[in-house]
């Protein structure tokens, strides 16, 4: 299982995610970025930051 805390990338955000794989985390985070942070396009640099912050649960 993997986990990601959005606050590791966006300090003011307290949302966390858990999923079996990195790709599952990225799908959930993309929806969160769109719905809660207003990002319609996710820049590759942001994806890299999220990937780097994903940890084993």
N, C-alpha and C. Protein backbone atom coordinates (compact mmCIF):
# COMPACT_ATOMS: atom_id res chain seq x y z
N UNK A 1 0.85 -1.18 0.00
CA UNK A 1 0.00 0.00 0.00
C UNK A 1 0.89 1.24 0.00
N UNK A 2 0.43 2.28 -0.69
CA UNK A 2 1.16 3.54 -0.81
C UNK A 2 0.34 4.66 -0.19
N UNK A 3 1.01 5.74 0.19
CA UNK A 3 0.28 6.90 0.70
C UNK A 3 0.96 8.19 0.27
N UNK A 4 0.15 9.23 0.22
CA UNK A 4 0.62 10.55 -0.17
C UNK A 4 -0.15 11.59 0.63
N UNK A 5 0.56 12.59 1.14
CA UNK A 5 -0.05 13.72 1.82
C UNK A 5 0.12 14.94 0.92
N UNK A 6 -0.98 15.53 0.51
CA UNK A 6 -0.92 16.68 -0.38
C UNK A 6 -0.11 17.81 0.27
N UNK A 7 -0.16 17.92 1.59
CA UNK A 7 0.58 18.95 2.30
C UNK A 7 2.08 18.87 2.10
N UNK A 8 2.58 17.72 1.64
CA UNK A 8 4.01 17.60 1.33
C UNK A 8 4.37 18.42 0.09
N UNK A 9 3.38 18.72 -0.73
CA UNK A 9 3.60 19.49 -1.96
C UNK A 9 2.92 20.86 -1.86
N UNK A 10 1.72 20.90 -1.28
CA UNK A 10 0.97 22.14 -1.08
C UNK A 10 0.78 22.31 0.43
N UNK A 11 1.66 23.06 1.08
CA UNK A 11 1.69 23.12 2.55
C UNK A 11 0.35 23.43 3.24
N UNK A 12 -0.54 24.14 2.61
CA UNK A 12 -1.81 24.49 3.25
C UNK A 12 -2.88 23.41 3.12
N UNK A 13 -2.59 22.30 2.46
CA UNK A 13 -3.58 21.25 2.21
C UNK A 13 -3.39 20.08 3.18
N UNK A 14 -4.47 19.64 3.79
CA UNK A 14 -4.40 18.53 4.73
C UNK A 14 -4.89 17.21 4.17
N UNK A 15 -5.18 17.14 2.89
CA UNK A 15 -5.73 15.92 2.28
C UNK A 15 -4.67 14.83 2.16
N UNK A 16 -5.04 13.60 2.46
CA UNK A 16 -4.13 12.46 2.31
C UNK A 16 -4.80 11.40 1.45
N UNK A 17 -3.97 10.56 0.85
CA UNK A 17 -4.44 9.51 -0.06
C UNK A 17 -3.73 8.21 0.26
N UNK A 18 -4.44 7.11 0.12
CA UNK A 18 -3.87 5.76 0.22
C UNK A 18 -4.39 4.94 -0.93
N UNK A 19 -3.52 4.14 -1.52
CA UNK A 19 -3.91 3.29 -2.65
C UNK A 19 -2.85 2.21 -2.82
N UNK A 20 -3.18 1.15 -3.55
CA UNK A 20 -2.23 0.05 -3.72
C UNK A 20 -0.98 0.40 -4.54
N UNK A 21 -1.11 1.33 -5.49
CA UNK A 21 0.02 1.62 -6.38
C UNK A 21 0.24 3.13 -6.53
N UNK A 22 1.42 3.49 -6.99
CA UNK A 22 1.72 4.90 -7.28
C UNK A 22 0.73 5.45 -8.31
N UNK A 23 0.45 4.67 -9.34
CA UNK A 23 -0.47 5.14 -10.39
C UNK A 23 -1.87 5.41 -9.84
N UNK A 24 -2.33 4.56 -8.90
CA UNK A 24 -3.64 4.79 -8.29
C UNK A 24 -3.64 6.09 -7.47
N UNK A 25 -2.55 6.34 -6.77
CA UNK A 25 -2.41 7.60 -6.03
C UNK A 25 -2.47 8.77 -7.00
N UNK A 26 -1.74 8.68 -8.11
CA UNK A 26 -1.70 9.79 -9.08
C UNK A 26 -3.08 10.08 -9.66
N UNK A 27 -3.87 9.06 -9.92
CA UNK A 27 -5.22 9.26 -10.44
C UNK A 27 -6.06 10.03 -9.41
N UNK A 28 -5.99 9.60 -8.15
CA UNK A 28 -6.76 10.26 -7.09
C UNK A 28 -6.29 11.70 -6.88
N UNK A 29 -4.98 11.89 -6.90
CA UNK A 29 -4.42 13.24 -6.69
C UNK A 29 -4.78 14.16 -7.85
N UNK A 30 -4.81 13.64 -9.06
CA UNK A 30 -5.19 14.46 -10.21
C UNK A 30 -6.62 14.98 -10.05
N UNK A 31 -7.52 14.12 -9.60
CA UNK A 31 -8.90 14.55 -9.35
C UNK A 31 -8.96 15.60 -8.25
N UNK A 32 -8.21 15.39 -7.19
CA UNK A 32 -8.15 16.35 -6.08
C UNK A 32 -7.58 17.69 -6.56
N UNK A 33 -6.52 17.65 -7.35
CA UNK A 33 -5.91 18.88 -7.86
C UNK A 33 -6.90 19.67 -8.70
N UNK A 34 -7.69 18.95 -9.50
CA UNK A 34 -8.69 19.59 -10.35
C UNK A 34 -9.83 20.15 -9.49
N UNK A 35 -10.39 19.32 -8.62
CA UNK A 35 -11.60 19.70 -7.88
C UNK A 35 -11.33 20.68 -6.74
N UNK A 36 -10.22 20.50 -6.03
CA UNK A 36 -9.98 21.29 -4.82
C UNK A 36 -8.94 22.41 -4.99
N UNK A 37 -8.07 22.26 -5.98
CA UNK A 37 -7.05 23.28 -6.19
C UNK A 37 -7.21 24.04 -7.51
N UNK A 38 -8.21 23.65 -8.32
CA UNK A 38 -8.51 24.38 -9.55
C UNK A 38 -7.53 24.17 -10.68
N UNK A 39 -6.78 23.08 -10.65
CA UNK A 39 -5.81 22.80 -11.72
C UNK A 39 -6.45 21.92 -12.78
N UNK A 40 -6.66 22.46 -13.96
CA UNK A 40 -7.23 21.65 -15.04
C UNK A 40 -6.14 20.86 -15.76
N UNK A 41 -4.94 21.41 -15.81
CA UNK A 41 -3.80 20.71 -16.39
C UNK A 41 -2.75 20.53 -15.29
N UNK A 42 -2.26 19.31 -15.16
CA UNK A 42 -1.25 19.01 -14.15
C UNK A 42 0.12 19.07 -14.81
N UNK A 43 0.95 20.03 -14.45
CA UNK A 43 2.27 20.13 -15.07
C UNK A 43 3.16 18.94 -14.71
N UNK A 44 4.00 18.50 -15.63
CA UNK A 44 4.90 17.38 -15.36
C UNK A 44 5.76 17.58 -14.11
N UNK A 45 6.16 18.80 -13.83
CA UNK A 45 6.97 19.06 -12.63
C UNK A 45 6.18 18.76 -11.36
N UNK A 46 4.89 19.04 -11.38
CA UNK A 46 4.05 18.74 -10.21
C UNK A 46 3.88 17.23 -10.05
N UNK A 47 3.68 16.53 -11.15
CA UNK A 47 3.59 15.06 -11.11
C UNK A 47 4.87 14.49 -10.50
N UNK A 48 6.01 15.03 -10.89
CA UNK A 48 7.30 14.56 -10.35
C UNK A 48 7.38 14.82 -8.85
N UNK A 49 6.89 15.97 -8.40
CA UNK A 49 6.89 16.27 -6.97
C UNK A 49 6.00 15.29 -6.21
N UNK A 50 4.84 15.00 -6.77
CA UNK A 50 3.93 14.05 -6.12
C UNK A 50 4.58 12.67 -6.08
N UNK A 51 5.12 12.21 -7.19
CA UNK A 51 5.79 10.89 -7.22
C UNK A 51 6.88 10.80 -6.16
N UNK A 52 7.65 11.88 -6.01
CA UNK A 52 8.75 11.88 -5.04
C UNK A 52 8.24 11.84 -3.60
N UNK A 53 7.03 12.30 -3.37
CA UNK A 53 6.46 12.35 -2.01
C UNK A 53 5.63 11.13 -1.64
N UNK A 54 5.39 10.21 -2.58
CA UNK A 54 4.63 8.99 -2.30
C UNK A 54 5.50 8.07 -1.43
N UNK A 55 4.90 7.56 -0.37
CA UNK A 55 5.61 6.69 0.58
C UNK A 55 4.89 5.36 0.72
N UNK A 56 5.62 4.37 1.18
CA UNK A 56 5.01 3.08 1.51
C UNK A 56 4.19 3.28 2.80
N UNK A 57 3.01 2.71 2.81
CA UNK A 57 2.14 2.86 3.99
C UNK A 57 2.52 1.83 5.05
